[in-house]
């Protein structure tokens, strides 16, 4: 198991992908929304105003990160 310092260093070493081209799975969207991946799939992704996914392979869906962030901003009350 990684120590905290090793984990921080591993995160820092990851390449930075600009939000404008990054693609997120339901797991990454769930982390942003602080919900479960199941909730993302069953409650959010089916909404007509939720961004449409890209199907990369059978059952492997990804959403443009920038579109997800725009959608989140529109949810403000």
PDB file of N, CA and C in Angstrom:
ATOM      1  N   UNK A   1       0.843  -1.179   0.000  1.00  0.00           N
ATOM      2  CA  UNK A   1       0.000   0.000   0.000  1.00  0.00           C
ATOM      3  C   UNK A   1       0.890   1.245   0.000  1.00  0.00           C
ATOM      4  N   UNK A   2       0.495   2.253  -0.778  1.00  0.00           N
ATOM      5  CA  UNK A   2       1.279   3.483  -0.896  1.00  0.00           C
ATOM      6  C   UNK A   2       1.145   4.354   0.349  1.00  0.00           C
ATOM      7  N   UNK A   3       2.237   4.950   0.701  1.00  0.00           N
ATOM      8  CA  UNK A   3       2.219   5.950   1.762  1.00  0.00           C
ATOM      9  C   UNK A   3       1.682   7.254   1.180  1.00  0.00           C
ATOM     10  N   UNK A   4       1.221   8.151   2.028  1.00  0.00           N
ATOM     11  CA  UNK A   4       0.644   9.419   1.570  1.00  0.00           C
ATOM     12  C   UNK A   4       1.623  10.203   0.702  1.00  0.00           C
ATOM     13  N   UNK A   5       2.875  10.286   1.093  1.00  0.00           N
ATOM     14  CA  UNK A   5       3.871  11.035   0.323  1.00  0.00           C
ATOM     15  C   UNK A   5       4.074  10.418  -1.058  1.00  0.00           C
ATOM     16  N   UNK A   6       4.069   9.081  -1.129  1.00  0.00           N
ATOM     17  CA  UNK A   6       4.222   8.401  -2.423  1.00  0.00           C
ATOM     18  C   UNK A   6       3.013   8.666  -3.318  1.00  0.00           C
ATOM     19  N   UNK A   7       1.828   8.663  -2.723  1.00  0.00           N
ATOM     20  CA  UNK A   7       0.611   8.931  -3.478  1.00  0.00           C
ATOM     21  C   UNK A   7       0.610  10.352  -4.028  1.00  0.00           C
ATOM     22  N   UNK A   8       0.990  11.312  -3.197  1.00  0.00           N
ATOM     23  CA  UNK A   8       1.066  12.711  -3.637  1.00  0.00           C
ATOM     24  C   UNK A   8       2.056  12.846  -4.779  1.00  0.00           C
ATOM     25  N   UNK A   9       3.184  12.198  -4.680  1.00  0.00           N
ATOM     26  CA  UNK A   9       4.203  12.267  -5.729  1.00  0.00           C
ATOM     27  C   UNK A   9       3.694  11.616  -7.018  1.00  0.00           C
ATOM     28  N   UNK A  10       2.977  10.513  -6.902  1.00  0.00           N
ATOM     29  CA  UNK A  10       2.424   9.847  -8.079  1.00  0.00           C
ATOM     30  C   UNK A  10       1.404  10.740  -8.773  1.00  0.00           C
ATOM     31  N   UNK A  11       0.586  11.427  -8.002  1.00  0.00           N
ATOM     32  CA  UNK A  11      -0.409  12.344  -8.577  1.00  0.00           C
ATOM     33  C   UNK A  11       0.291  13.494  -9.285  1.00  0.00           C
ATOM     34  N   UNK A  12       1.314  14.037  -8.672  1.00  0.00           N
ATOM     35  CA  UNK A  12       2.055  15.142  -9.292  1.00  0.00           C
ATOM     36  C   UNK A  12       2.727  14.723 -10.589  1.00  0.00           C
ATOM     37  N   UNK A  13       3.115  13.454 -10.691  1.00  0.00           N
ATOM     38  CA  UNK A  13       3.809  12.963 -11.878  1.00  0.00           C
ATOM     39  C   UNK A  13       2.849  12.675 -13.039  1.00  0.00           C
ATOM     40  N   UNK A  14       1.563  12.628 -12.756  1.00  0.00           N
ATOM     41  CA  UNK A  14       0.581  12.347 -13.806  1.00  0.00           C
ATOM     42  C   UNK A  14       0.559  13.495 -14.804  1.00  0.00           C
ATOM     43  N   UNK A  15       0.397  13.169 -16.084  1.00  0.00           N
ATOM     44  CA  UNK A  15       0.339  14.244 -17.077  1.00  0.00           C
ATOM     45  C   UNK A  15      -0.930  15.069 -16.894  1.00  0.00           C
ATOM     46  N   UNK A  16      -0.812  16.367 -17.108  1.00  0.00           N
ATOM     47  CA  UNK A  16      -1.973  17.248 -17.008  1.00  0.00           C
ATOM     48  C   UNK A  16      -2.688  17.256 -18.350  1.00  0.00           C
ATOM     49  N   UNK A  17      -3.957  16.896 -18.321  1.00  0.00           N
ATOM     50  CA  UNK A  17      -4.767  16.911 -19.539  1.00  0.00           C
ATOM     51  C   UNK A  17      -5.716  18.100 -19.421  1.00  0.00           C
ATOM     52  N   UNK A  18      -5.685  19.021 -20.369  1.00  0.00           N
ATOM     53  CA  UNK A  18      -6.565  20.186 -20.301  1.00  0.00           C
ATOM     54  C   UNK A  18      -8.035  19.766 -20.247  1.00  0.00           C
ATOM     55  N   UNK A  19      -8.809  20.490 -19.458  1.00  0.00           N
ATOM     56  CA  UNK A  19     -10.229  20.209 -19.296  1.00  0.00           C
ATOM     57  C   UNK A  19     -10.954  20.197 -20.640  1.00  0.00           C
ATOM     58  N   UNK A  20     -10.484  20.995 -21.565  1.00  0.00           N
ATOM     59  CA  UNK A  20     -11.151  21.097 -22.869  1.00  0.00           C
ATOM     60  C   UNK A  20     -11.068  19.811 -23.693  1.00  0.00           C
ATOM     61  N   UNK A  21     -10.110  18.937 -23.400  1.00  0.00           N
ATOM     62  CA  UNK A  21      -9.999  17.692 -24.164  1.00  0.00           C
ATOM     63  C   UNK A  21     -10.087  16.433 -23.304  1.00  0.00           C
ATOM     64  N   UNK A  22     -10.099  16.595 -21.992  1.00  0.00           N
ATOM     65  CA  UNK A  22     -10.165  15.431 -21.105  1.00  0.00           C
ATOM     66  C   UNK A  22     -11.513  14.738 -21.229  1.00  0.00           C
ATOM     67  N   UNK A  23     -11.522  13.431 -21.075  1.00  0.00           N
ATOM     68  CA  UNK A  23     -12.738  12.620 -21.111  1.00  0.00           C
ATOM     69  C   UNK A  23     -12.865  11.915 -19.766  1.00  0.00           C
ATOM     70  N   UNK A  24     -14.064  11.981 -19.180  1.00  0.00           N
ATOM     71  CA  UNK A  24     -14.297  11.393 -17.859  1.00  0.00           C
ATOM     72  C   UNK A  24     -15.252  10.215 -17.934  1.00  0.00           C
ATOM     73  N   UNK A  25     -14.990   9.227 -17.092  1.00  0.00           N
ATOM     74  CA  UNK A  25     -15.905   8.100 -16.924  1.00  0.00           C
ATOM     75  C   UNK A  25     -16.943   8.466 -15.868  1.00  0.00           C
ATOM     76  N   UNK A  26     -17.924   7.603 -15.675  1.00  0.00           N
ATOM     77  CA  UNK A  26     -18.917   7.860 -14.641  1.00  0.00           C
ATOM     78  C   UNK A  26     -18.269   7.865 -13.252  1.00  0.00           C
ATOM     79  N   UNK A  27     -17.143   7.190 -13.109  1.00  0.00           N
ATOM     80  CA  UNK A  27     -16.442   7.168 -11.821  1.00  0.00           C
ATOM     81  C   UNK A  27     -15.822   8.532 -11.507  1.00  0.00           C
ATOM     82  N   UNK A  28     -15.241   9.155 -12.504  1.00  0.00           N
ATOM     83  CA  UNK A  28     -14.650  10.485 -12.305  1.00  0.00           C
ATOM     84  C   UNK A  28     -15.736  11.535 -12.099  1.00  0.00           C
ATOM     85  N   UNK A  29     -16.837  11.412 -12.835  1.00  0.00           N
ATOM     86  CA  UNK A  29     -17.960  12.340 -12.639  1.00  0.00           C
ATOM     87  C   UNK A  29     -18.525  12.158 -11.241  1.00  0.00           C
ATOM     88  N   UNK A  30     -18.635  10.917 -10.807  1.00  0.00           N
ATOM     89  CA  UNK A  30     -19.138  10.635  -9.461  1.00  0.00           C
ATOM     90  C   UNK A  30     -18.256  11.278  -8.396  1.00  0.00           C
ATOM     91  N   UNK A  31     -16.949  11.231  -8.585  1.00  0.00           N
ATOM     92  CA  UNK A  31     -16.033  11.842  -7.621  1.00  0.00           C
ATOM     93  C   UNK A  31     -16.248  13.355  -7.548  1.00  0.00           C
ATOM     94  N   UNK A  32     -16.464  13.984  -8.698  1.00  0.00           N
ATOM     95  CA  UNK A  32     -16.698  15.434  -8.742  1.00  0.00           C
ATOM     96  C   UNK A  32     -18.011  15.778  -8.040  1.00  0.00           C
ATOM     97  N   UNK A  33     -19.052  14.984  -8.305  1.00  0.00           N
ATOM     98  CA  UNK A  33     -20.378  15.254  -7.734  1.00  0.00           C
ATOM     99  C   UNK A  33     -20.546  14.731  -6.308  1.00  0.00           C
ATOM    100  N   UNK A  34     -19.570  13.949  -5.853  1.00  0.00           N
ATOM    101  CA  UNK A  34     -19.637  13.312  -4.533  1.00  0.00           C
ATOM    102  C   UNK A  34     -20.870  12.404  -4.436  1.00  0.00           C
ATOM    103  N   UNK A  35     -21.049  11.639  -5.501  1.00  0.00           N
ATOM    104  CA  UNK A  35     -22.128  10.657  -5.616  1.00  0.00           C
ATOM    105  C   UNK A  35     -21.505   9.337  -6.043  1.00  0.00           C
ATOM    106  N   UNK A  36     -22.297   8.288  -6.090  1.00  0.00           N
ATOM    107  CA  UNK A  36     -21.784   7.002  -6.555  1.00  0.00           C
ATOM    108  C   UNK A  36     -21.850   6.936  -8.086  1.00  0.00           C
ATOM    109  N   UNK A  37     -21.005   6.108  -8.698  1.00  0.00           N
ATOM    110  CA  UNK A  37     -21.101   5.921 -10.147  1.00  0.00           C
ATOM    111  C   UNK A  37     -22.492   5.438 -10.566  1.00  0.00           C
ATOM    112  N   UNK A  38     -23.106   4.634  -9.740  1.00  0.00           N
ATOM    113  CA  UNK A  38     -24.464   4.152 -10.033  1.00  0.00           C
ATOM    114  C   UNK A  38     -25.453   5.314 -10.086  1.00  0.00           C
ATOM    115  N   UNK A  39     -25.327   6.251  -9.142  1.00  0.00           N
ATOM    116  CA  UNK A  39     -26.201   7.427  -9.134  1.00  0.00           C
ATOM    117  C   UNK A  39     -25.995   8.254 -10.393  1.00  0.00           C
ATOM    118  N   UNK A  40     -24.750   8.422 -10.799  1.00  0.00           N
ATOM    119  CA  UNK A  40     -24.463   9.171 -12.031  1.00  0.00           C
ATOM    120  C   UNK A  40     -25.164   8.508 -13.207  1.00  0.00           C
ATOM    121  N   UNK A  41     -25.027   7.194 -13.320  1.00  0.00           N
ATOM    122  CA  UNK A  41     -25.613   6.469 -14.448  1.00  0.00           C
ATOM    123  C   UNK A  41     -27.138   6.469 -14.412  1.00  0.00           C
ATOM    124  N   UNK A  42     -27.708   6.285 -13.228  1.00  0.00           N
ATOM    125  CA  UNK A  42     -29.165   6.106 -13.125  1.00  0.00           C
ATOM    126  C   UNK A  42     -29.953   7.405 -12.957  1.00  0.00           C
ATOM    127  N   UNK A  43     -29.346   8.423 -12.358  1.00  0.00           N
ATOM    128  CA  UNK A  43     -30.104   9.648 -12.077  1.00  0.00           C
ATOM    129  C   UNK A  43     -29.709  10.856 -12.908  1.00  0.00           C
ATOM    130  N   UNK A  44     -28.456  10.917 -13.330  1.00  0.00           N
ATOM    131  CA  UNK A  44     -27.989  12.100 -14.046  1.00  0.00           C
ATOM    132  C   UNK A  44     -27.823  11.866 -15.538  1.00  0.00           C
ATOM    133  N   UNK A  45     -27.135  10.801 -15.910  1.00  0.00           N
ATOM    134  CA  UNK A  45     -26.814  10.564 -17.320  1.00  0.00           C
ATOM    135  C   UNK A  45     -28.057  10.388 -18.187  1.00  0.00           C
ATOM    136  N   UNK A  46     -29.171  10.017 -17.582  1.00  0.00           N
ATOM    137  CA  UNK A  46     -30.403   9.813 -18.352  1.00  0.00           C
ATOM    138  C   UNK A  46     -31.200  11.106 -18.536  1.00  0.00           C
ATOM    139  N   UNK A  47     -30.799  12.192 -17.875  1.00  0.00           N
ATOM    140  CA  UNK A  47     -31.511  13.462 -18.022  1.00  0.00           C
ATOM    141  C   UNK A  47     -31.273  14.036 -19.420  1.00  0.00           C
ATOM    142  N   UNK A  48     -32.330  14.632 -20.008  1.00  0.00           N
ATOM    143  CA  UNK A  48     -32.174  15.156 -21.368  1.00  0.00           C
ATOM    144  C   UNK A  48     -31.144  16.275 -21.495  1.00  0.00           C
ATOM    145  N   UNK A  49     -30.893  17.021 -20.412  1.00  0.00           N
ATOM    146  CA  UNK A  49     -29.935  18.125 -20.494  1.00  0.00           C
ATOM    147  C   UNK A  49     -28.506  17.714 -20.121  1.00  0.00           C
ATOM    148  N   UNK A  50     -28.326  16.453 -19.715  1.00  0.00           N
ATOM    149  CA  UNK A  50     -26.986  15.963 -19.372  1.00  0.00           C
ATOM    150  C   UNK A  50     -26.216  15.745 -20.668  1.00  0.00           C
ATOM    151  N   UNK A  51     -24.927  16.087 -20.695  1.00  0.00           N
ATOM    152  CA  UNK A  51     -24.138  15.898 -21.926  1.00  0.00           C
ATOM    153  C   UNK A  51     -24.183  14.455 -22.429  1.00  0.00           C
ATOM    154  N   UNK A  52     -24.180  14.324 -23.740  1.00  0.00           N
ATOM    155  CA  UNK A  52     -24.196  12.996 -24.350  1.00  0.00           C
ATOM    156  C   UNK A  52     -22.814  12.360 -24.246  1.00  0.00           C
ATOM    157  N   UNK A  53     -22.782  11.059 -23.960  1.00  0.00           N
ATOM    158  CA  UNK A  53     -21.485  10.380 -23.842  1.00  0.00           C
ATOM    159  C   UNK A  53     -20.916   9.967 -25.193  1.00  0.00           C
ATOM    160  N   UNK A  54     -19.652   9.623 -25.172  1.00  0.00           N
ATOM    161  CA  UNK A  54     -18.964   9.018 -26.306  1.00  0.00           C
ATOM    162  C   UNK A  54     -18.789   7.544 -25.962  1.00  0.00           C
ATOM    163  N   UNK A  55     -19.146   6.685 -26.868  1.00  0.00           N
ATOM    164  CA  UNK A  55     -19.012   5.241 -26.641  1.00  0.00           C
ATOM    165  C   UNK A  55     -17.677   4.793 -27.216  1.00  0.00           C
ATOM    166  N   UNK A  56     -16.725   4.479 -26.356  1.00  0.00           N
ATOM    167  CA  UNK A  56     -15.394   4.099 -26.803  1.00  0.00           C
ATOM    168  C   UNK A  56     -15.306   2.613 -27.148  1.00  0.00           C
ATOM    169  N   UNK A  57     -16.033   1.799 -26.416  1.00  0.00           N
ATOM    170  CA  UNK A  57     -16.127   0.369 -26.701  1.00  0.00           C
ATOM    171  C   UNK A  57     -17.388  -0.129 -26.002  1.00  0.00           C
ATOM    172  N   UNK A  58     -17.671  -1.382 -26.114  1.00  0.00           N
ATOM    173  CA  UNK A  58     -18.890  -1.926 -25.528  1.00  0.00           C
ATOM    174  C   UNK A  58     -18.969  -1.583 -24.041  1.00  0.00           C
ATOM    175  N   UNK A  59     -19.959  -0.788 -23.702  1.00  0.00           N
ATOM    176  CA  UNK A  59     -20.180  -0.425 -22.306  1.00  0.00           C
ATOM    177  C   UNK A  59     -19.209   0.584 -21.740  1.00  0.00           C
ATOM    178  N   UNK A  60     -18.270   1.061 -22.533  1.00  0.00           N
ATOM    179  CA  UNK A  60     -17.259   2.012 -22.044  1.00  0.00           C
ATOM    180  C   UNK A  60     -17.628   3.418 -22.513  1.00  0.00           C
ATOM    181  N   UNK A  61     -18.295   4.169 -21.640  1.00  0.00           N
ATOM    182  CA  UNK A  61     -18.738   5.519 -21.982  1.00  0.00           C
ATOM    183  C   UNK A  61     -17.823   6.559 -21.349  1.00  0.00           C
ATOM    184  N   UNK A  62     -17.619   7.651 -22.065  1.00  0.00           N
ATOM    185  CA  UNK A  62     -16.843   8.789 -21.566  1.00  0.00           C
ATOM    186  C   UNK A  62     -17.574  10.065 -21.942  1.00  0.00           C
ATOM    187  N   UNK A  63     -17.432  11.065 -21.077  1.00  0.00           N
ATOM    188  CA  UNK A  63     -18.028  12.374 -21.317  1.00  0.00           C
ATOM    189  C   UNK A  63     -16.922  13.413 -21.367  1.00  0.00           C
ATOM    190  N   UNK A  64     -17.112  14.439 -22.197  1.00  0.00           N
ATOM    191  CA  UNK A  64     -16.135  15.532 -22.234  1.00  0.00           C
ATOM    192  C   UNK A  64     -16.195  16.262 -20.895  1.00  0.00           C
ATOM    193  N   UNK A  65     -15.056  16.399 -20.274  1.00  0.00           N
ATOM    194  CA  UNK A  65     -14.974  17.024 -18.961  1.00  0.00           C
ATOM    195  C   UNK A  65     -15.519  18.450 -18.993  1.00  0.00           C
ATOM    196  N   UNK A  66     -15.205  19.192 -20.041  1.00  0.00           N
ATOM    197  CA  UNK A  66     -15.662  20.579 -20.122  1.00  0.00           C
ATOM    198  C   UNK A  66     -17.186  20.653 -20.180  1.00  0.00           C
ATOM    199  N   UNK A  67     -17.833  19.709 -20.884  1.00  0.00           N
ATOM    200  CA  UNK A  67     -19.289  19.693 -20.966  1.00  0.00           C
ATOM    201  C   UNK A  67     -19.923  19.345 -19.622  1.00  0.00           C
ATOM    202  N   UNK A  68     -19.277  18.439 -18.891  1.00  0.00           N
ATOM    203  CA  UNK A  68     -19.776  18.088 -17.558  1.00  0.00           C
ATOM    204  C   UNK A  68     -19.678  19.298 -16.629  1.00  0.00           C
ATOM    205  N   UNK A  69     -18.565  19.998 -16.671  1.00  0.00           N
ATOM    206  CA  UNK A  69     -18.408  21.169 -15.797  1.00  0.00           C
ATOM    207  C   UNK A  69     -19.410  22.268 -16.163  1.00  0.00           C
ATOM    208  N   UNK A  70     -19.680  22.444 -17.453  1.00  0.00           N
ATOM    209  CA  UNK A  70     -20.700  23.418 -17.874  1.00  0.00           C
ATOM    210  C   UNK A  70     -22.072  23.002 -17.351  1.00  0.00           C
ATOM    211  N   UNK A  71     -22.385  21.725 -17.436  1.00  0.00           N
ATOM    212  CA  UNK A  71     -23.659  21.213 -16.944  1.00  0.00           C
ATOM    213  C   UNK A  71     -23.791  21.450 -15.439  1.00  0.00           C
ATOM    214  N   UNK A  72     -22.725  21.185 -14.705  1.00  0.00           N
ATOM    215  CA  UNK A  72     -22.747  21.397 -13.255  1.00  0.00           C
ATOM    216  C   UNK A  72     -23.030  22.871 -12.946  1.00  0.00           C
ATOM    217  N   UNK A  73     -22.374  23.774 -13.655  1.00  0.00           N
ATOM    218  CA  UNK A  73     -22.597  25.204 -13.421  1.00  0.00           C
ATOM    219  C   UNK A  73     -24.038  25.616 -13.681  1.00  0.00           C
ATOM    220  N   UNK A  74     -24.696  24.978 -14.648  1.00  0.00           N
ATOM    221  CA  UNK A  74     -26.096  25.301 -14.960  1.00  0.00           C
ATOM    222  C   UNK A  74     -27.062  24.801 -13.884  1.00  0.00           C
ATOM    223  N   UNK A  75     -26.583  23.954 -12.972  1.00  0.00           N
ATOM    224  CA  UNK A  75     -27.452  23.389 -11.936  1.00  0.00           C
ATOM    225  C   UNK A  75     -27.601  24.331 -10.730  1.00  0.00           C
ATOM    226  N   UNK A  76     -26.895  25.433 -10.763  1.00  0.00           N
ATOM    227  CA  UNK A  76     -26.979  26.390  -9.645  1.00  0.00           C
ATOM    228  C   UNK A  76     -28.382  26.946  -9.525  1.00  0.00           C
ATOM    229  N   UNK A  77     -28.788  27.173  -8.289  1.00  0.00           N
ATOM    230  CA  UNK A  77     -30.110  27.797  -8.046  1.00  0.00           C
ATOM    231  C   UNK A  77     -29.946  29.193  -7.516  1.00  0.00           C
TER     232      UNK A  77
END
